[in-house]
């Protein structure tokens, strides 16, 4: 069953949000590489790829329902960090925005009577809980080690083995 125009637009907005999230993660990876935190940078690059996969799932959903996927404007990420913890705080902030957007999309789909989108959206809701929890844990660990070099390098190494 085809999505109505309102839902098609909302799904397209989510595609753009996922691609924006990918750009943010990629820029964070660049910043962490500049700080010689290559493990954290690799973790951020993996997150960037995951966000592209998320966008693809939304694109496939629209296509399989005879709707047209359309990428909107992906803004240049404005990322300024001076410490690794800043990168993960920005990542958490962005994940929270994505979570709110998916919850709003799920509510809209319910309001529009679109039960066929529930499995996809529920999958993303569960994943967003996991994503936020993971980033909060990393922030907690970075808070514990502070500026202590060996602790920071240990976390960097662990994140590089994702």
C-alpha atoms as a PDB file:
ATOM      1  CA  UNK A   1       0.000   0.000   0.000  1.00  0.00           C
ATOM      2  CA  UNK A   2       1.348   3.379  -1.047  1.00  0.00           C
ATOM      3  CA  UNK A   3       2.153   5.967   1.620  1.00  0.00           C
ATOM      4  CA  UNK A   4       0.170   9.185   1.484  1.00  0.00           C
ATOM      5  CA  UNK A   5       1.946  12.440   0.598  1.00  0.00           C
ATOM      6  CA  UNK A   6       2.340  13.475   4.249  1.00  0.00           C
ATOM      7  CA  UNK A   7       4.080  10.238   5.177  1.00  0.00           C
ATOM      8  CA  UNK A   8       6.170  10.223   2.010  1.00  0.00           C
ATOM      9  CA  UNK A   9       7.512  13.664   2.926  1.00  0.00           C
ATOM     10  CA  UNK A  10       8.178  12.604   6.522  1.00  0.00           C
ATOM     11  CA  UNK A  11      10.062   9.501   5.389  1.00  0.00           C
ATOM     12  CA  UNK A  12      12.089  11.601   2.957  1.00  0.00           C
ATOM     13  CA  UNK A  13      12.900  14.006   5.781  1.00  0.00           C
ATOM     14  CA  UNK A  14      14.149  11.030   7.794  1.00  0.00           C
ATOM     15  CA  UNK A  15      16.351   9.925   4.897  1.00  0.00           C
ATOM     16  CA  UNK A  16      17.914  13.391   4.856  1.00  0.00           C
ATOM     17  CA  UNK A  17      18.364  13.297   8.635  1.00  0.00           C
ATOM     18  CA  UNK A  18      20.158   9.944   8.435  1.00  0.00           C
ATOM     19  CA  UNK A  19      22.492  11.252   5.724  1.00  0.00           C
ATOM     20  CA  UNK A  20      23.116  14.386   7.777  1.00  0.00           C
ATOM     21  CA  UNK A  21      23.991  12.179  10.745  1.00  0.00           C
ATOM     22  CA  UNK A  22      26.460  10.332   8.509  1.00  0.00           C
ATOM     23  CA  UNK A  23      28.112  13.623   7.562  1.00  0.00           C
ATOM     24  CA  UNK A  24      28.352  14.662  11.227  1.00  0.00           C
ATOM     25  CA  UNK A  25      29.970  11.353  12.179  1.00  0.00           C
ATOM     26  CA  UNK A  26      32.373  11.596   9.254  1.00  0.00           C
ATOM     27  CA  UNK A  27      33.427  15.107  10.281  1.00  0.00           C
ATOM     28  CA  UNK A  28      33.895  13.929  13.865  1.00  0.00           C
ATOM     29  CA  UNK A  29      36.134  11.164  12.522  1.00  0.00           C
ATOM     30  CA  UNK A  30      38.203  13.756  10.688  1.00  0.00           C
ATOM     31  CA  UNK A  31      38.553  15.826  13.843  1.00  0.00           C
ATOM     32  CA  UNK A  32      39.577  12.797  15.929  1.00  0.00           C
ATOM     33  CA  UNK A  33      42.107  11.762  13.281  1.00  0.00           C
ATOM     34  CA  UNK A  34      43.611  15.241  13.617  1.00  0.00           C
ATOM     35  CA  UNK A  35      43.986  14.545  17.352  1.00  0.00           C
ATOM     36  CA  UNK A  36      45.743  11.223  16.576  1.00  0.00           C
ATOM     37  CA  UNK A  37      42.882   9.283  18.151  1.00  0.00           C
ATOM     38  CA  UNK A  38      42.655   6.831  15.292  1.00  0.00           C
ATOM     39  CA  UNK A  39      40.557   4.240  17.129  1.00  0.00           C
ATOM     40  CA  UNK A  40      37.874   6.774  17.984  1.00  0.00           C
ATOM     41  CA  UNK A  41      38.037   8.086  14.425  1.00  0.00           C
ATOM     42  CA  UNK A  42      37.488   4.560  13.117  1.00  0.00           C
ATOM     43  CA  UNK A  43      34.499   4.169  15.450  1.00  0.00           C
ATOM     44  CA  UNK A  44      33.019   7.399  14.090  1.00  0.00           C
ATOM     45  CA  UNK A  45      33.602   6.275  10.479  1.00  0.00           C
ATOM     46  CA  UNK A  46      31.758   3.035  11.232  1.00  0.00           C
ATOM     47  CA  UNK A  47      28.899   5.088  12.657  1.00  0.00           C
ATOM     48  CA  UNK A  48      28.869   7.216   9.509  1.00  0.00           C
ATOM     49  CA  UNK A  49      28.510   4.081   7.381  1.00  0.00           C
ATOM     50  CA  UNK A  50      25.742   2.796   9.634  1.00  0.00           C
ATOM     51  CA  UNK A  51      23.774   6.012   9.137  1.00  0.00           C
ATOM     52  CA  UNK A  52      24.007   5.547   5.363  1.00  0.00           C
ATOM     53  CA  UNK A  53      22.638   2.022   5.822  1.00  0.00           C
ATOM     54  CA  UNK A  54      19.750   3.499   7.812  1.00  0.00           C
ATOM     55  CA  UNK A  55      18.984   5.934   5.011  1.00  0.00           C
ATOM     56  CA  UNK A  56      19.011   3.010   2.570  1.00  0.00           C
ATOM     57  CA  UNK A  57      16.429   1.149   4.651  1.00  0.00           C
ATOM     58  CA  UNK A  58      14.105   4.157   4.518  1.00  0.00           C
ATOM     59  CA  UNK A  59      14.721   4.508   0.774  1.00  0.00           C
ATOM     60  CA  UNK A  60      13.927   0.827   0.248  1.00  0.00           C
ATOM     61  CA  UNK A  61      10.768   1.175   2.335  1.00  0.00           C
ATOM     62  CA  UNK A  62       9.520   4.027   0.166  1.00  0.00           C
ATOM     63  CA  UNK A  63      10.459   2.236  -3.030  1.00  0.00           C
ATOM     64  CA  UNK A  64       8.774  -1.015  -2.014  1.00  0.00           C
ATOM     65  CA  UNK A  65       5.576   0.920  -1.321  1.00  0.00           C
ATOM     66  CA  UNK A  66       5.586   2.636  -4.717  1.00  0.00           C
ATOM     67  CA  UNK A  67       6.653   5.989  -3.317  1.00  0.00           C
ATOM     68  CA  UNK A  68       9.518   8.197  -4.442  1.00  0.00           C
ATOM     69  CA  UNK A  69      12.518   8.631  -2.192  1.00  0.00           C
ATOM     70  CA  UNK A  70      14.047  12.092  -2.380  1.00  0.00           C
ATOM     71  CA  UNK A  71      17.165  13.276  -0.578  1.00  0.00           C
ATOM     72  CA  UNK A  72      16.858  16.771   0.814  1.00  0.00           C
ATOM     73  CA  UNK A  73      19.621  19.225   1.600  1.00  0.00           C
ATOM     74  CA  UNK A  74      22.398  17.782   3.709  1.00  0.00           C
ATOM     75  CA  UNK A  75      24.007  20.722   5.469  1.00  0.00           C
ATOM     76  CA  UNK A  76      27.740  20.983   6.018  1.00  0.00           C
ATOM     77  CA  UNK A  77      28.440  19.767   9.567  1.00  0.00           C
ATOM     78  CA  UNK A  78      29.551  22.486  11.948  1.00  0.00           C
ATOM     79  CA  UNK A  79      31.828  20.530  14.233  1.00  0.00           C
ATOM     80  CA  UNK A  80      34.302  22.091  16.631  1.00  0.00           C
ATOM     81  CA  UNK A  81      35.916  19.956  19.298  1.00  0.00           C
ATOM     82  CA  UNK A  82      38.919  20.408  21.547  1.00  0.00           C
ATOM     83  CA  UNK A  83      38.803  17.012  23.281  1.00  0.00           C
ATOM     84  CA  UNK A  84      37.590  13.509  22.511  1.00  0.00           C
ATOM     85  CA  UNK A  85      34.719  13.835  24.959  1.00  0.00           C
ATOM     86  CA  UNK A  86      33.422  16.798  22.937  1.00  0.00           C
ATOM     87  CA  UNK A  87      33.098  14.544  19.887  1.00  0.00           C
ATOM     88  CA  UNK A  88      31.041  12.007  21.794  1.00  0.00           C
ATOM     89  CA  UNK A  89      28.870  14.681  23.389  1.00  0.00           C
ATOM     90  CA  UNK A  90      28.081  15.967  19.894  1.00  0.00           C
ATOM     91  CA  UNK A  91      27.411  12.396  18.751  1.00  0.00           C
ATOM     92  CA  UNK A  92      24.969  11.862  21.631  1.00  0.00           C
ATOM     93  CA  UNK A  93      23.226  15.150  20.900  1.00  0.00           C
ATOM     94  CA  UNK A  94      22.794  14.114  17.287  1.00  0.00           C
ATOM     95  CA  UNK A  95      21.574  10.614  18.202  1.00  0.00           C
ATOM     96  CA  UNK A  96      18.976  12.185  20.467  1.00  0.00           C
ATOM     97  CA  UNK A  97      17.735  14.315  17.552  1.00  0.00           C
ATOM     98  CA  UNK A  98      17.495  11.231  15.353  1.00  0.00           C
ATOM     99  CA  UNK A  99      15.635   9.364  18.113  1.00  0.00           C
ATOM    100  CA  UNK A 100      13.131  12.193  18.486  1.00  0.00           C
ATOM    101  CA  UNK A 101      12.614  12.279  14.727  1.00  0.00           C
ATOM    102  CA  UNK A 102      11.950   8.536  14.527  1.00  0.00           C
ATOM    103  CA  UNK A 103       9.516   8.716  17.457  1.00  0.00           C
ATOM    104  CA  UNK A 104       7.677  11.547  15.687  1.00  0.00           C
ATOM    105  CA  UNK A 105       7.632   9.546  12.445  1.00  0.00           C
ATOM    106  CA  UNK A 106       6.245   6.518  14.302  1.00  0.00           C
ATOM    107  CA  UNK A 107       3.507   8.682  15.851  1.00  0.00           C
ATOM    108  CA  UNK A 108       2.659  10.220  12.475  1.00  0.00           C
ATOM    109  CA  UNK A 109       2.453   6.784  10.874  1.00  0.00           C
ATOM    110  CA  UNK A 110       0.088   5.687  13.647  1.00  0.00           C
ATOM    111  CA  UNK A 111      -1.994   8.844  13.284  1.00  0.00           C
ATOM    112  CA  UNK A 112      -2.237   8.212   9.537  1.00  0.00           C
ATOM    113  CA  UNK A 113      -3.219   4.587  10.114  1.00  0.00           C
ATOM    114  CA  UNK A 114      -0.092   3.210   8.452  1.00  0.00           C
ATOM    115  CA  UNK A 115       0.489  -0.090  10.245  1.00  0.00           C
ATOM    116  CA  UNK A 116       2.830  -1.320   7.515  1.00  0.00           C
ATOM    117  CA  UNK A 117       5.615   1.030   8.653  1.00  0.00           C
ATOM    118  CA  UNK A 118       5.536  -0.197  12.249  1.00  0.00           C
ATOM    119  CA  UNK A 119       8.098  -3.024  11.901  1.00  0.00           C
ATOM    120  CA  UNK A 120      10.684  -0.741  10.309  1.00  0.00           C
ATOM    121  CA  UNK A 121      10.115   2.113  12.734  1.00  0.00           C
ATOM    122  CA  UNK A 122      10.044  -0.168  15.781  1.00  0.00           C
ATOM    123  CA  UNK A 123      13.374  -1.647  14.675  1.00  0.00           C
ATOM    124  CA  UNK A 124      14.847   1.851  14.572  1.00  0.00           C
ATOM    125  CA  UNK A 125      13.384   2.806  17.942  1.00  0.00           C
ATOM    126  CA  UNK A 126      15.093  -0.172  19.569  1.00  0.00           C
ATOM    127  CA  UNK A 127      18.351   0.615  17.791  1.00  0.00           C
ATOM    128  CA  UNK A 128      18.259   4.260  18.889  1.00  0.00           C
ATOM    129  CA  UNK A 129      17.999   3.218  22.543  1.00  0.00           C
ATOM    130  CA  UNK A 130      21.123   1.091  22.032  1.00  0.00           C
ATOM    131  CA  UNK A 131      22.951   3.870  20.160  1.00  0.00           C
ATOM    132  CA  UNK A 132      22.309   6.470  22.834  1.00  0.00           C
ATOM    133  CA  UNK A 133      23.288   4.044  25.590  1.00  0.00           C
ATOM    134  CA  UNK A 134      26.558   3.167  23.841  1.00  0.00           C
ATOM    135  CA  UNK A 135      27.547   6.796  23.385  1.00  0.00           C
ATOM    136  CA  UNK A 136      26.594   7.652  26.993  1.00  0.00           C
ATOM    137  CA  UNK A 137      28.805   4.794  28.181  1.00  0.00           C
ATOM    138  CA  UNK A 138      31.736   6.096  26.136  1.00  0.00           C
ATOM    139  CA  UNK A 139      31.175   9.591  27.559  1.00  0.00           C
ATOM    140  CA  UNK A 140      31.121   8.110  31.069  1.00  0.00           C
ATOM    141  CA  UNK A 141      34.414   6.327  30.486  1.00  0.00           C
ATOM    142  CA  UNK A 142      35.998   9.439  28.990  1.00  0.00           C
ATOM    143  CA  UNK A 143      34.808  11.430  32.008  1.00  0.00           C
ATOM    144  CA  UNK A 144      36.486   8.938  34.337  1.00  0.00           C
ATOM    145  CA  UNK A 145      39.871   9.092  32.579  1.00  0.00           C
ATOM    146  CA  UNK A 146      39.731  12.839  31.963  1.00  0.00           C
ATOM    147  CA  UNK A 147      42.954  14.109  30.426  1.00  0.00           C
ATOM    148  CA  UNK A 148      44.958  11.098  31.625  1.00  0.00           C
ATOM    149  CA  UNK A 149      46.817   9.982  28.528  1.00  0.00           C
ATOM    150  CA  UNK A 150      47.087   6.233  29.031  1.00  0.00           C
ATOM    151  CA  UNK A 151      43.386   5.900  29.884  1.00  0.00           C
ATOM    152  CA  UNK A 152      42.421   7.911  26.830  1.00  0.00           C
ATOM    153  CA  UNK A 153      44.663   5.793  24.623  1.00  0.00           C
ATOM    154  CA  UNK A 154      43.204   2.593  26.083  1.00  0.00           C
ATOM    155  CA  UNK A 155      39.657   3.736  25.216  1.00  0.00           C
ATOM    156  CA  UNK A 156      40.880   4.822  21.787  1.00  0.00           C
ATOM    157  CA  UNK A 157      42.337   1.358  21.200  1.00  0.00           C
ATOM    158  CA  UNK A 158      39.166  -0.401  22.369  1.00  0.00           C
ATOM    159  CA  UNK A 159      36.913   1.717  20.138  1.00  0.00           C
ATOM    160  CA  UNK A 160      39.171   1.013  17.192  1.00  0.00           C
ATOM    161  CA  UNK A 161      38.376  -2.716  17.502  1.00  0.00           C
ATOM    162  CA  UNK A 162      34.658  -2.249  16.982  1.00  0.00           C
END
